[in-house]
Amino acid sequence: MASETERLAGFLYEIGLLKRYKRTGWFVAGVQDPESIADHSFRTAIIASVLAAMEGADPERAALLSLFHDSQETRLTDLPYLARPYVEKASNEEVTEHQTRGLPDVVTAMITGVVAEYEGKASAEAMCARDADKLECLIQAVEYREHGNRNTRPWIDSSLAQLQTASAKRLAAEVQKSGSLDWFTRVLNGDEGP
């Protein structure tokens, strides 16, 4: 039987799959080389920490929730919304429980607790993390649109419809009226920040 440390090493390798798995919904939109799940989760964690700070919640906790919000996709992959009505799948909590079997108890408790909190939608941090997931999708859709993909409107609309916090709604409005390189132009023109 594998030791806890062997299982933990295996879990870390498993999480590495998220760097290779693509966000499949973007294929439906015609994006040729979409972002990976890990790419999405990274920016989602940054956004979650920003939203949490703006909403008076714990930025570190919101970022942590975001880092694990799609970790189950190592086993489920990223099923596009179009497939969901036709596929019966285990809950994210159940997949996480399987993923963490045999890991050190403190690690298992941390990961399963984070996933349960995110899925439970009850804490301010969970709300910020969930909004960050949608806001990241919206930002990515705007970027893909700027790169010539005209099919991203459904992702923008869907993301907007699901935002809950005032800070996320405010940022979403700004994202839609600004360009992805506006910050770069300001820096080149001598403005100090993004």
N, C-alpha and C. Protein backbone atom coordinates (compact mmCIF):
# COMPACT_ATOMS: atom_id res chain seq x y z
N MET A 1 0.84 -1.18 0.00
CA MET A 1 0.00 0.00 0.00
C MET A 1 0.89 1.25 0.00
N ALA A 2 0.47 2.23 -0.79
CA ALA A 2 1.23 3.47 -0.91
C ALA A 2 1.17 4.27 0.38
N SER A 3 2.28 4.91 0.70
CA SER A 3 2.33 5.76 1.89
C SER A 3 1.60 7.07 1.61
N GLU A 4 1.33 7.83 2.68
CA GLU A 4 0.70 9.15 2.54
C GLU A 4 1.53 10.06 1.64
N THR A 5 2.85 9.99 1.81
CA THR A 5 3.72 10.85 1.02
C THR A 5 3.69 10.47 -0.45
N GLU A 6 3.66 9.18 -0.74
CA GLU A 6 3.54 8.73 -2.13
C GLU A 6 2.22 9.19 -2.73
N ARG A 7 1.16 9.07 -1.96
CA ARG A 7 -0.16 9.49 -2.45
C ARG A 7 -0.20 11.01 -2.66
N LEU A 8 0.44 11.74 -1.76
CA LEU A 8 0.48 13.19 -1.90
C LEU A 8 1.26 13.59 -3.15
N ALA A 9 2.38 12.94 -3.39
CA ALA A 9 3.14 13.21 -4.62
C ALA A 9 2.28 12.92 -5.84
N GLY A 10 1.54 11.82 -5.80
CA GLY A 10 0.64 11.49 -6.90
C GLY A 10 -0.44 12.54 -7.10
N PHE A 11 -0.98 13.04 -6.00
CA PHE A 11 -2.00 14.10 -6.08
C PHE A 11 -1.43 15.34 -6.76
N LEU A 12 -0.20 15.70 -6.42
CA LEU A 12 0.43 16.87 -7.02
C LEU A 12 0.66 16.67 -8.52
N TYR A 13 1.04 15.45 -8.91
CA TYR A 13 1.14 15.14 -10.35
C TYR A 13 -0.25 15.24 -11.01
N GLU A 14 -1.26 14.70 -10.32
CA GLU A 14 -2.61 14.74 -10.87
C GLU A 14 -3.06 16.18 -11.09
N ILE A 15 -2.81 17.06 -10.13
CA ILE A 15 -3.20 18.46 -10.27
C ILE A 15 -2.50 19.10 -11.47
N GLY A 16 -1.31 18.61 -11.80
CA GLY A 16 -0.58 19.10 -12.96
C GLY A 16 -1.32 18.89 -14.28
N LEU A 17 -2.26 17.95 -14.30
CA LEU A 17 -3.06 17.75 -15.51
C LEU A 17 -3.83 19.01 -15.88
N LEU A 18 -4.16 19.82 -14.88
CA LEU A 18 -4.92 21.04 -15.15
C LEU A 18 -4.14 22.02 -16.02
N LYS A 19 -2.81 21.87 -16.06
CA LYS A 19 -2.01 22.72 -16.93
C LYS A 19 -2.13 22.27 -18.39
N ARG A 20 -2.48 21.00 -18.60
CA ARG A 20 -2.59 20.46 -19.96
C ARG A 20 -4.02 20.41 -20.49
N TYR A 21 -5.00 20.27 -19.60
CA TYR A 21 -6.40 20.19 -20.02
C TYR A 21 -6.90 21.58 -20.42
N LYS A 22 -7.53 21.65 -21.55
CA LYS A 22 -8.05 22.91 -22.06
C LYS A 22 -9.49 23.14 -21.59
N ARG A 23 -9.89 24.39 -21.53
CA ARG A 23 -11.27 24.75 -21.22
C ARG A 23 -12.08 24.51 -22.49
N THR A 24 -12.86 23.45 -22.50
CA THR A 24 -13.47 22.95 -23.73
C THR A 24 -14.59 23.82 -24.27
N GLY A 25 -15.24 24.59 -23.44
CA GLY A 25 -16.30 25.46 -23.95
C GLY A 25 -15.80 26.40 -25.03
N TRP A 26 -14.55 26.79 -24.93
CA TRP A 26 -14.00 27.71 -25.92
C TRP A 26 -13.88 27.05 -27.29
N PHE A 27 -13.75 25.73 -27.35
CA PHE A 27 -13.75 25.05 -28.65
C PHE A 27 -15.10 25.25 -29.34
N VAL A 28 -16.19 25.21 -28.56
CA VAL A 28 -17.53 25.45 -29.11
C VAL A 28 -17.60 26.84 -29.73
N ALA A 29 -16.93 27.80 -29.10
CA ALA A 29 -16.91 29.18 -29.61
C ALA A 29 -15.98 29.36 -30.79
N GLY A 30 -15.20 28.33 -31.12
CA GLY A 30 -14.29 28.41 -32.25
C GLY A 30 -12.89 28.87 -31.89
N VAL A 31 -12.57 28.94 -30.60
CA VAL A 31 -11.22 29.32 -30.19
C VAL A 31 -10.29 28.13 -30.49
N GLN A 32 -9.25 28.37 -31.24
CA GLN A 32 -8.37 27.29 -31.70
C GLN A 32 -7.48 26.72 -30.59
N ASP A 33 -6.94 27.58 -29.74
CA ASP A 33 -6.05 27.13 -28.68
C ASP A 33 -6.47 27.79 -27.37
N PRO A 34 -7.52 27.26 -26.74
CA PRO A 34 -8.04 27.91 -25.54
C PRO A 34 -7.12 27.77 -24.34
N GLU A 35 -7.39 28.59 -23.36
CA GLU A 35 -6.66 28.55 -22.10
C GLU A 35 -6.79 27.18 -21.43
N SER A 36 -5.83 26.86 -20.59
CA SER A 36 -5.93 25.63 -19.80
C SER A 36 -6.78 25.90 -18.56
N ILE A 37 -7.18 24.83 -17.90
CA ILE A 37 -7.93 24.96 -16.65
C ILE A 37 -7.06 25.67 -15.61
N ALA A 38 -5.77 25.36 -15.59
CA ALA A 38 -4.86 26.01 -14.64
C ALA A 38 -4.72 27.50 -14.94
N ASP A 39 -4.66 27.86 -16.22
CA ASP A 39 -4.61 29.28 -16.59
C ASP A 39 -5.82 29.99 -16.01
N HIS A 40 -6.99 29.40 -16.22
CA HIS A 40 -8.24 29.97 -15.72
C HIS A 40 -8.21 30.08 -14.19
N SER A 41 -7.78 29.02 -13.52
CA SER A 41 -7.80 29.01 -12.05
C SER A 41 -6.84 30.04 -11.46
N PHE A 42 -5.70 30.25 -12.11
CA PHE A 42 -4.74 31.24 -11.62
C PHE A 42 -5.36 32.64 -11.61
N ARG A 43 -5.88 33.06 -12.77
CA ARG A 43 -6.44 34.42 -12.81
C ARG A 43 -7.69 34.51 -11.94
N THR A 44 -8.45 33.43 -11.84
CA THR A 44 -9.63 33.42 -10.97
C THR A 44 -9.21 33.69 -9.52
N ALA A 45 -8.12 33.08 -9.08
CA ALA A 45 -7.64 33.29 -7.70
C ALA A 45 -7.23 34.74 -7.47
N ILE A 46 -6.59 35.34 -8.44
CA ILE A 46 -6.20 36.75 -8.33
C ILE A 46 -7.46 37.61 -8.23
N ILE A 47 -8.40 37.36 -9.12
CA ILE A 47 -9.66 38.14 -9.12
C ILE A 47 -10.40 37.94 -7.80
N ALA A 48 -10.44 36.71 -7.31
CA ALA A 48 -11.15 36.43 -6.05
C ALA A 48 -10.54 37.21 -4.90
N SER A 49 -9.22 37.30 -4.86
CA SER A 49 -8.58 38.05 -3.77
C SER A 49 -8.92 39.53 -3.87
N VAL A 50 -8.95 40.07 -5.08
CA VAL A 50 -9.30 41.47 -5.29
C VAL A 50 -10.75 41.73 -4.88
N LEU A 51 -11.66 40.87 -5.36
CA LEU A 51 -13.07 41.03 -5.01
C LEU A 51 -13.28 40.95 -3.50
N ALA A 52 -12.61 39.97 -2.87
CA ALA A 52 -12.76 39.81 -1.42
C ALA A 52 -12.30 41.06 -0.68
N ALA A 53 -11.17 41.63 -1.10
CA ALA A 53 -10.69 42.86 -0.47
C ALA A 53 -11.72 43.98 -0.64
N MET A 54 -12.30 44.07 -1.82
CA MET A 54 -13.28 45.12 -2.09
C MET A 54 -14.59 44.90 -1.33
N GLU A 55 -14.91 43.64 -1.07
CA GLU A 55 -16.17 43.29 -0.40
C GLU A 55 -16.02 43.13 1.12
N GLY A 56 -14.80 43.36 1.64
CA GLY A 56 -14.57 43.23 3.08
C GLY A 56 -14.45 41.79 3.56
N ALA A 57 -14.15 40.88 2.66
CA ALA A 57 -13.96 39.47 3.01
C ALA A 57 -12.46 39.17 3.07
N ASP A 58 -12.11 37.93 3.33
CA ASP A 58 -10.72 37.51 3.47
C ASP A 58 -10.14 37.17 2.09
N PRO A 59 -9.24 38.01 1.56
CA PRO A 59 -8.68 37.77 0.23
C PRO A 59 -7.93 36.45 0.10
N GLU A 60 -7.18 36.08 1.14
CA GLU A 60 -6.42 34.84 1.07
C GLU A 60 -7.34 33.63 0.98
N ARG A 61 -8.41 33.63 1.76
CA ARG A 61 -9.36 32.52 1.74
C ARG A 61 -10.07 32.44 0.39
N ALA A 62 -10.48 33.57 -0.14
CA ALA A 62 -11.15 33.59 -1.45
C ALA A 62 -10.23 33.06 -2.54
N ALA A 63 -8.96 33.44 -2.49
CA ALA A 63 -7.99 32.94 -3.48
C ALA A 63 -7.82 31.44 -3.34
N LEU A 64 -7.74 30.94 -2.11
CA LEU A 64 -7.59 29.50 -1.89
C LEU A 64 -8.79 28.74 -2.44
N LEU A 65 -9.99 29.23 -2.18
CA LEU A 65 -11.18 28.58 -2.72
C LEU A 65 -11.11 28.51 -4.24
N SER A 66 -10.65 29.57 -4.85
CA SER A 66 -10.55 29.61 -6.31
C SER A 66 -9.51 28.65 -6.85
N LEU A 67 -8.43 28.48 -6.14
CA LEU A 67 -7.40 27.56 -6.62
C LEU A 67 -7.90 26.13 -6.70
N PHE A 68 -8.86 25.77 -5.86
CA PHE A 68 -9.38 24.40 -5.85
C PHE A 68 -10.74 24.26 -6.52
N HIS A 69 -11.30 25.36 -7.06
CA HIS A 69 -12.69 25.30 -7.54
C HIS A 69 -12.87 24.38 -8.75
N ASP A 70 -11.85 24.16 -9.54
CA ASP A 70 -11.94 23.25 -10.68
C ASP A 70 -10.98 22.07 -10.57
N SER A 71 -10.47 21.81 -9.37
CA SER A 71 -9.48 20.73 -9.21
C SER A 71 -10.05 19.36 -9.55
N GLN A 72 -11.35 19.20 -9.50
CA GLN A 72 -11.99 17.93 -9.81
C GLN A 72 -11.90 17.62 -11.30
N GLU A 73 -11.59 18.59 -12.10
CA GLU A 73 -11.54 18.40 -13.54
C GLU A 73 -10.35 17.56 -13.99
N THR A 74 -9.46 17.23 -13.06
CA THR A 74 -8.42 16.24 -13.41
C THR A 74 -9.07 14.91 -13.72
N ARG A 75 -10.22 14.64 -13.09
CA ARG A 75 -10.93 13.37 -13.30
C ARG A 75 -12.17 13.52 -14.16
N LEU A 76 -12.79 14.68 -14.11
CA LEU A 76 -14.03 14.89 -14.87
C LEU A 76 -13.77 15.54 -16.22
N THR A 77 -12.64 16.15 -16.38
CA THR A 77 -12.28 17.06 -17.47
C THR A 77 -13.22 18.26 -17.43
N ASP A 78 -13.08 19.14 -18.37
CA ASP A 78 -13.90 20.35 -18.41
C ASP A 78 -15.06 20.11 -19.37
N LEU A 79 -16.17 19.67 -18.83
CA LEU A 79 -17.35 19.43 -19.67
C LEU A 79 -17.99 20.76 -20.03
N PRO A 80 -18.20 21.02 -21.32
CA PRO A 80 -18.87 22.27 -21.67
C PRO A 80 -20.32 22.22 -21.20
N TYR A 81 -20.89 23.40 -20.99
CA TYR A 81 -22.28 23.49 -20.51
C TYR A 81 -23.23 22.73 -21.44
N LEU A 82 -22.93 22.72 -22.71
CA LEU A 82 -23.76 22.02 -23.68
C LEU A 82 -23.90 20.53 -23.34
N ALA A 83 -22.86 19.94 -22.75
CA ALA A 83 -22.87 18.50 -22.43
C ALA A 83 -23.57 18.17 -21.12
N ARG A 84 -23.65 19.12 -20.23
CA ARG A 84 -24.10 18.85 -18.87
C ARG A 84 -25.48 18.20 -18.75
N PRO A 85 -26.47 18.56 -19.56
CA PRO A 85 -27.77 17.89 -19.41
C PRO A 85 -27.74 16.40 -19.78
N TYR A 86 -26.71 15.98 -20.51
CA TYR A 86 -26.65 14.62 -21.01
C TYR A 86 -25.71 13.71 -20.22
N VAL A 87 -24.96 14.31 -19.31
CA VAL A 87 -23.94 13.55 -18.59
C VAL A 87 -24.24 13.60 -17.09
N GLU A 88 -24.35 12.43 -16.50
CA GLU A 88 -24.51 12.37 -15.05
C GLU A 88 -23.12 12.26 -14.45
N LYS A 89 -22.82 13.13 -13.53
CA LYS A 89 -21.48 13.11 -12.94
C LYS A 89 -21.56 13.19 -11.42
N ALA A 90 -20.48 12.79 -10.81
CA ALA A 90 -20.37 12.89 -9.36
C ALA A 90 -20.26 14.35 -8.97
N SER A 91 -20.64 14.66 -7.74
CA SER A 91 -20.49 16.03 -7.25
C SER A 91 -19.02 16.36 -7.08
N ASN A 92 -18.71 17.64 -7.08
CA ASN A 92 -17.32 18.05 -6.88
C ASN A 92 -16.81 17.61 -5.51
N GLU A 93 -17.69 17.61 -4.51
CA GLU A 93 -17.28 17.15 -3.18
C GLU A 93 -16.92 15.67 -3.20
N GLU A 94 -17.69 14.87 -3.94
CA GLU A 94 -17.41 13.43 -4.02
C GLU A 94 -16.10 13.16 -4.76
N VAL A 95 -15.87 13.87 -5.85
CA VAL A 95 -14.62 13.70 -6.59
C VAL A 95 -13.44 14.09 -5.71
N THR A 96 -13.58 15.20 -4.99
CA THR A 96 -12.51 15.65 -4.10
C THR A 96 -12.22 14.63 -3.02
N GLU A 97 -13.27 14.02 -2.49
CA GLU A 97 -13.08 12.98 -1.47
C GLU A 97 -12.27 11.82 -2.05
N HIS A 98 -12.52 11.44 -3.28
CA HIS A 98 -11.76 10.36 -3.92
C HIS A 98 -10.31 10.80 -4.17
N GLN A 99 -10.15 12.03 -4.64
CA GLN A 99 -8.81 12.54 -4.93
C GLN A 99 -7.92 12.58 -3.69
N THR A 100 -8.51 12.83 -2.54
CA THR A 100 -7.71 13.06 -1.33
C THR A 100 -7.62 11.83 -0.43
N ARG A 101 -8.18 10.72 -0.85
CA ARG A 101 -8.06 9.49 -0.04
C ARG A 101 -6.60 9.10 0.15
N GLY A 102 -6.26 8.85 1.38
CA GLY A 102 -4.91 8.40 1.70
C GLY A 102 -3.88 9.50 1.82
N LEU A 103 -4.31 10.75 1.63
CA LEU A 103 -3.38 11.87 1.84
C LEU A 103 -3.29 12.14 3.33
N PRO A 104 -2.28 12.87 3.76
CA PRO A 104 -2.21 13.23 5.18
C PRO A 104 -3.53 13.90 5.62
N ASP A 105 -3.99 13.55 6.80
CA ASP A 105 -5.28 14.03 7.30
C ASP A 105 -5.42 15.55 7.23
N VAL A 106 -4.36 16.27 7.58
CA VAL A 106 -4.45 17.73 7.57
C VAL A 106 -4.64 18.26 6.15
N VAL A 107 -4.04 17.60 5.17
CA VAL A 107 -4.18 18.01 3.77
C VAL A 107 -5.59 17.70 3.28
N THR A 108 -6.04 16.49 3.58
CA THR A 108 -7.40 16.09 3.19
C THR A 108 -8.44 17.04 3.78
N ALA A 109 -8.31 17.34 5.07
CA ALA A 109 -9.26 18.23 5.73
C ALA A 109 -9.26 19.62 5.10
N MET A 110 -8.08 20.13 4.77
CA MET A 110 -7.98 21.45 4.16
C MET A 110 -8.66 21.46 2.80
N ILE A 111 -8.33 20.50 1.94
CA ILE A 111 -8.85 20.50 0.57
C ILE A 111 -10.36 20.24 0.56
N THR A 112 -10.82 19.24 1.31
CA THR A 112 -12.26 18.95 1.30
C THR A 112 -13.05 20.10 1.93
N GLY A 113 -12.47 20.77 2.91
CA GLY A 113 -13.12 21.92 3.52
C GLY A 113 -13.24 23.08 2.55
N VAL A 114 -12.20 23.32 1.79
CA VAL A 114 -12.19 24.41 0.81
C VAL A 114 -13.24 24.15 -0.27
N VAL A 115 -13.26 22.92 -0.78
CA VAL A 115 -14.22 22.58 -1.84
C VAL A 115 -15.66 22.67 -1.31
N ALA A 116 -15.89 22.16 -0.10
CA ALA A 116 -17.23 22.23 0.48
C ALA A 116 -17.67 23.68 0.68
N GLU A 117 -16.77 24.52 1.12
CA GLU A 117 -17.11 25.93 1.31
C GLU A 117 -17.46 26.60 -0.02
N TYR A 118 -16.66 26.33 -1.05
CA TYR A 118 -16.93 26.91 -2.37
C TYR A 118 -18.29 26.43 -2.89
N GLU A 119 -18.52 25.13 -2.81
CA GLU A 119 -19.77 24.56 -3.32
C GLU A 119 -20.97 24.97 -2.47
N GLY A 120 -20.75 25.24 -1.19
CA GLY A 120 -21.83 25.64 -0.29
C GLY A 120 -22.35 27.05 -0.52
N LYS A 121 -21.56 27.89 -1.14
CA LYS A 121 -21.97 29.25 -1.53
C LYS A 121 -22.41 30.13 -0.36
N ALA A 122 -22.05 29.78 0.87
CA ALA A 122 -22.58 30.51 2.02
C ALA A 122 -21.67 31.63 2.51
N SER A 123 -20.37 31.46 2.43
CA SER A 123 -19.47 32.47 2.98
C SER A 123 -19.24 33.60 1.98
N ALA A 124 -18.84 34.74 2.51
CA ALA A 124 -18.51 35.88 1.65
C ALA A 124 -17.36 35.52 0.71
N GLU A 125 -16.42 34.74 1.21
CA GLU A 125 -15.28 34.33 0.39
C GLU A 125 -15.72 33.42 -0.75
N ALA A 126 -16.67 32.53 -0.47
CA ALA A 126 -17.20 31.65 -1.52
C ALA A 126 -17.91 32.47 -2.59
N MET A 127 -18.67 33.46 -2.16
CA MET A 127 -19.37 34.32 -3.13
C MET A 127 -18.37 35.08 -4.00
N CYS A 128 -17.30 35.57 -3.39
CA CYS A 128 -16.27 36.27 -4.16
C CYS A 128 -15.55 35.31 -5.11
N ALA A 129 -15.27 34.10 -4.65
CA ALA A 129 -14.60 33.12 -5.50
C ALA A 129 -15.50 32.72 -6.67
N ARG A 130 -16.79 32.56 -6.41
CA ARG A 130 -17.72 32.18 -7.47
C ARG A 130 -17.87 33.33 -8.48
N ASP A 131 -17.93 34.55 -7.99
CA ASP A 131 -17.97 35.70 -8.89
C ASP A 131 -16.68 35.81 -9.68
N ALA A 132 -15.57 35.51 -9.05
CA ALA A 132 -14.28 35.57 -9.74
C ALA A 132 -14.23 34.57 -10.90
N ASP A 133 -14.80 33.40 -10.69
CA ASP A 133 -14.88 32.39 -11.75
C ASP A 133 -15.61 32.95 -12.96
N LYS A 134 -16.74 33.60 -12.72
CA LYS A 134 -17.54 34.16 -13.82
C LYS A 134 -16.88 35.39 -14.43
N LEU A 135 -16.28 36.23 -13.58
CA LEU A 135 -15.62 37.43 -14.09
C LEU A 135 -14.39 37.06 -14.93
N GLU A 136 -13.68 36.02 -14.51
CA GLU A 136 -12.53 35.57 -15.31
C GLU A 136 -13.00 35.08 -16.67
N CYS A 137 -14.09 34.36 -16.71
CA CYS A 137 -14.65 33.87 -17.97
C CYS A 137 -15.03 35.05 -18.86
N LEU A 138 -15.64 36.06 -18.28
CA LEU A 138 -16.03 37.25 -19.03
C LEU A 138 -14.79 37.95 -19.61
N ILE A 139 -13.77 38.12 -18.79
CA ILE A 139 -12.53 38.78 -19.25
C ILE A 139 -11.91 37.97 -20.38
N GLN A 140 -11.87 36.65 -20.22
CA GLN A 140 -11.30 35.80 -21.26
C GLN A 140 -12.11 35.91 -22.55
N ALA A 141 -13.42 35.97 -22.44
CA ALA A 141 -14.28 36.11 -23.61
C ALA A 141 -13.99 37.42 -24.34
N VAL A 142 -13.82 38.50 -23.58
CA VAL A 142 -13.49 39.80 -24.19
C VAL A 142 -12.14 39.70 -24.90
N GLU A 143 -11.16 39.06 -24.28
CA GLU A 143 -9.85 38.91 -24.91
C GLU A 143 -9.94 38.09 -26.20
N TYR A 144 -10.67 36.98 -26.15
CA TYR A 144 -10.83 36.18 -27.37
C TYR A 144 -11.55 36.97 -28.46
N ARG A 145 -12.52 37.78 -28.07
CA ARG A 145 -13.23 38.61 -29.05
C ARG A 145 -12.26 39.61 -29.68
N GLU A 146 -11.40 40.21 -28.85
CA GLU A 146 -10.42 41.16 -29.38
C GLU A 146 -9.44 40.51 -30.35
N HIS A 147 -9.25 39.20 -30.20
CA HIS A 147 -8.34 38.47 -31.08
C HIS A 147 -9.07 37.90 -32.30
N GLY A 148 -10.28 38.37 -32.53
CA GLY A 148 -10.98 38.02 -33.75
C GLY A 148 -12.09 37.00 -33.63
N ASN A 149 -12.30 36.44 -32.46
CA ASN A 149 -13.38 35.47 -32.31
C ASN A 149 -14.67 36.22 -32.01
N ARG A 150 -15.61 36.14 -32.91
CA ARG A 150 -16.87 36.87 -32.77
C ARG A 150 -17.94 36.06 -32.04
N ASN A 151 -17.63 34.85 -31.60
CA ASN A 151 -18.63 33.96 -31.01
C ASN A 151 -18.66 33.96 -29.49
N THR A 152 -18.10 34.95 -28.85
CA THR A 152 -17.97 34.91 -27.38
C THR A 152 -19.12 35.57 -26.63
N ARG A 153 -20.06 36.18 -27.33
CA ARG A 153 -21.16 36.89 -26.65
C ARG A 153 -21.93 36.01 -25.67
N PRO A 154 -22.24 34.75 -25.99
CA PRO A 154 -22.96 33.93 -25.00
C PRO A 154 -22.20 33.75 -23.69
N TRP A 155 -20.87 33.68 -23.74
CA TRP A 155 -20.07 33.54 -22.53
C TRP A 155 -20.08 34.84 -21.72
N ILE A 156 -20.06 35.95 -22.40
CA ILE A 156 -20.13 37.25 -21.73
C ILE A 156 -21.49 37.39 -21.04
N ASP A 157 -22.55 37.13 -21.78
CA ASP A 157 -23.90 37.27 -21.23
C ASP A 157 -24.14 36.32 -20.06
N SER A 158 -23.71 35.09 -20.20
CA SER A 158 -23.89 34.09 -19.14
C SER A 158 -23.12 34.49 -17.89
N SER A 159 -21.91 34.97 -18.07
CA SER A 159 -21.10 35.40 -16.92
C SER A 159 -21.74 36.58 -16.22
N LEU A 160 -22.17 37.56 -16.98
CA LEU A 160 -22.81 38.74 -16.39
C LEU A 160 -24.05 38.37 -15.58
N ALA A 161 -24.83 37.45 -16.09
CA ALA A 161 -26.09 37.06 -15.45
C ALA A 161 -25.87 36.38 -14.10
N GLN A 162 -24.69 35.82 -13.89
CA GLN A 162 -24.45 35.06 -12.67
C GLN A 162 -23.70 35.83 -11.59
N LEU A 163 -23.24 37.02 -11.88
CA LEU A 163 -22.50 37.80 -10.89
C LEU A 163 -23.41 38.23 -9.74
N GLN A 164 -22.89 38.17 -8.52
CA GLN A 164 -23.68 38.49 -7.32
C GLN A 164 -23.20 39.73 -6.58
N THR A 165 -21.90 39.90 -6.46
CA THR A 165 -21.38 40.99 -5.63
C THR A 165 -21.35 42.31 -6.41
N ALA A 166 -21.51 43.39 -5.68
CA ALA A 166 -21.47 44.71 -6.29
C ALA A 166 -20.12 44.98 -6.93
N SER A 167 -19.06 44.54 -6.30
CA SER A 167 -17.71 44.77 -6.84
C SER A 167 -17.51 44.05 -8.15
N ALA A 168 -17.98 42.82 -8.25
CA ALA A 168 -17.84 42.06 -9.50
C ALA A 168 -18.66 42.70 -10.61
N LYS A 169 -19.84 43.16 -10.29
CA LYS A 169 -20.69 43.82 -11.31
C LYS A 169 -20.04 45.10 -11.80
N ARG A 170 -19.44 45.85 -10.88
CA ARG A 170 -18.76 47.10 -11.25
C ARG A 170 -17.56 46.80 -12.15
N LEU A 171 -16.77 45.80 -11.79
CA LEU A 171 -15.61 45.43 -12.61
C LEU A 171 -16.05 44.90 -13.97
N ALA A 172 -17.12 44.13 -14.00
CA ALA A 172 -17.61 43.59 -15.28
C ALA A 172 -18.01 44.71 -16.22
N ALA A 173 -18.64 45.74 -15.69
CA ALA A 173 -19.03 46.88 -16.53
C ALA A 173 -17.80 47.56 -17.11
N GLU A 174 -16.77 47.72 -16.29
CA GLU A 174 -15.54 48.36 -16.75
C GLU A 174 -14.83 47.49 -17.79
N VAL A 175 -14.77 46.21 -17.55
CA VAL A 175 -14.11 45.27 -18.48
C VAL A 175 -14.75 45.38 -19.87
N GLN A 176 -16.05 45.51 -19.90
CA GLN A 176 -16.75 45.55 -21.19
C GLN A 176 -16.53 46.84 -21.97
N LYS A 177 -16.21 47.91 -21.27
CA LYS A 177 -16.01 49.17 -22.00
C LYS A 177 -14.53 49.51 -22.20
N SER A 178 -13.64 48.71 -21.66
CA SER A 178 -12.21 48.96 -21.86
C SER A 178 -11.60 47.82 -22.68
N GLY A 179 -10.44 48.08 -23.21
CA GLY A 179 -9.73 47.07 -23.97
C GLY A 179 -8.69 46.37 -23.11
N SER A 180 -8.30 45.19 -23.53
CA SER A 180 -7.36 44.40 -22.72
C SER A 180 -5.96 45.00 -22.67
N LEU A 181 -5.64 45.91 -23.56
CA LEU A 181 -4.32 46.54 -23.54
C LEU A 181 -4.36 48.03 -23.19
N ASP A 182 -5.49 48.50 -22.73
CA ASP A 182 -5.58 49.91 -22.31
C ASP A 182 -4.55 50.21 -21.22
N TRP A 183 -4.37 49.29 -20.29
CA TRP A 183 -3.39 49.48 -19.21
C TRP A 183 -1.99 49.67 -19.79
N PHE A 184 -1.66 48.92 -20.84
CA PHE A 184 -0.34 48.97 -21.46
C PHE A 184 -0.10 50.33 -22.10
N THR A 185 -1.11 50.84 -22.78
CA THR A 185 -1.01 52.15 -23.41
C THR A 185 -0.79 53.23 -22.35
N ARG A 186 -1.52 53.12 -21.23
CA ARG A 186 -1.34 54.10 -20.16
C ARG A 186 0.08 54.05 -19.59
N VAL A 187 0.63 52.86 -19.42
CA VAL A 187 1.99 52.73 -18.90
C VAL A 187 2.98 53.35 -19.89
N LEU A 188 2.82 53.07 -21.17
CA LEU A 188 3.71 53.64 -22.19
C LEU A 188 3.63 55.16 -22.24
N ASN A 189 2.47 55.68 -21.91
CA ASN A 189 2.28 57.14 -21.91
C ASN A 189 2.70 57.80 -20.61
N GLY A 190 3.31 57.04 -19.71
CA GLY A 190 3.84 57.61 -18.49
C GLY A 190 2.95 57.49 -17.28
N ASP A 191 1.77 56.92 -17.44
CA ASP A 191 0.91 56.66 -16.29
C ASP A 191 1.54 55.52 -15.51
N GLU A 192 1.61 55.64 -14.20
CA GLU A 192 2.36 54.68 -13.38
C GLU A 192 1.71 53.33 -13.18
N GLY A 193 0.40 53.22 -13.28
CA GLY A 193 -0.24 51.95 -12.94
C GLY A 193 -1.16 51.46 -14.03
N PRO A 194 -1.72 50.28 -13.80
CA PRO A 194 -2.63 49.70 -14.78
C PRO A 194 -3.90 50.52 -14.84
